[in-house]
Protein backbone atom coordinates (compact mmCIF):
# COMPACT_ATOMS: atom_id res chain seq x y z
CA MET A 1 106.99 97.30 109.73
CA ASP A 2 110.30 95.52 110.24
CA ALA A 3 113.76 96.65 109.07
CA SER A 4 113.78 94.42 105.97
CA GLN A 5 110.54 96.01 104.74
CA GLU A 6 111.91 99.51 105.42
CA LEU A 7 114.90 98.86 103.13
CA HIS A 8 112.65 98.16 100.15
CA LEU A 9 110.38 101.20 100.48
CA PRO A 10 110.56 103.85 97.75
CA ASN A 11 112.01 107.13 99.07
CA TYR A 12 108.70 108.98 98.89
CA MET A 13 107.13 106.49 101.33
CA LYS A 14 109.84 106.77 103.98
CA ASP A 15 110.05 109.27 106.81
CA ASP A 16 113.84 109.62 106.98
CA LYS A 17 113.95 113.18 105.60
CA VAL A 18 111.14 114.66 107.68
CA SER A 19 111.97 117.72 109.77
CA GLN A 20 110.87 118.08 113.37
CA GLU A 21 108.50 120.85 112.27
CA THR A 22 106.84 118.46 109.82
CA LYS A 23 106.69 115.68 112.42
CA ASN A 24 104.85 118.10 114.70
CA LEU A 25 102.41 118.92 111.90
CA ILE A 26 101.94 115.23 111.04
CA SER A 27 100.96 114.50 114.64
CA SER A 28 97.99 116.85 114.24
CA LEU A 29 96.81 115.60 110.83
CA PRO A 30 94.20 112.96 110.05
CA SER A 31 95.98 109.72 109.19
CA ASP A 32 95.23 106.35 107.70
CA LYS A 33 97.09 103.27 106.61
CA TYR A 34 97.80 102.44 102.98
CA PHE A 35 96.57 98.94 102.11
CA MET A 36 100.09 97.59 102.68
CA GLY A 37 100.20 99.13 106.17
CA TYR A 38 102.17 102.33 105.47
CA SER A 39 101.02 105.59 107.01
CA LEU A 40 99.42 108.35 104.98
CA TYR A 41 98.54 111.84 106.22
CA ASN A 42 95.81 114.17 105.00
CA TYR A 43 97.08 117.68 104.41
CA LYS A 44 94.72 120.23 102.81
CA GLY A 45 92.52 117.51 101.33
CA CYS A 46 95.27 115.31 99.85
CA TRP A 47 96.89 112.17 101.25
CA TYR A 48 100.70 112.09 101.49
CA TYR A 49 103.50 109.80 102.62
CA PRO A 50 105.82 111.54 105.13
CA ASN A 51 108.71 112.36 102.74
CA THR A 52 106.27 113.52 100.06
CA LEU A 53 104.56 115.83 102.54
CA GLN A 54 107.98 117.20 103.52
CA ALA A 55 108.69 117.97 99.85
CA VAL A 56 105.32 119.71 99.43
CA LEU A 57 105.95 121.85 102.50
CA ASP A 58 109.49 122.69 101.32
CA VAL A 59 108.18 123.86 97.95
CA GLN A 60 105.47 125.95 99.61
CA LYS A 61 108.01 127.54 101.92
CA HIS A 62 110.90 128.11 99.50
CA PHE A 63 109.49 128.43 95.99
CA ARG A 64 110.21 131.78 94.38
CA PRO A 65 109.11 132.30 90.79
CA ARG A 66 111.61 133.83 88.40
CA ARG A 67 110.80 136.63 86.03
CA HIS A 68 109.66 135.51 82.62
CA ASN A 69 112.28 136.23 79.98
CA PRO A 70 110.59 136.31 76.54
CA GLN A 71 114.04 136.62 74.84
CA ARG A 72 114.77 132.94 75.43
């Protein structure tokens, strides 16, 4: 993919916000190319673009449910 194509990618398809930890994980995952040539990675049975996978991992790592407040 050349630089002009990279500029027009939606954010979820890019890999500009991927941590080194996620890059290490990605290197061990099954991968394939989307029909337009972009990389997808299979994590726990689902296919993700790099930034989307980073978001999934961030939610898994940092999500903390709040107590339900029935008064609202």
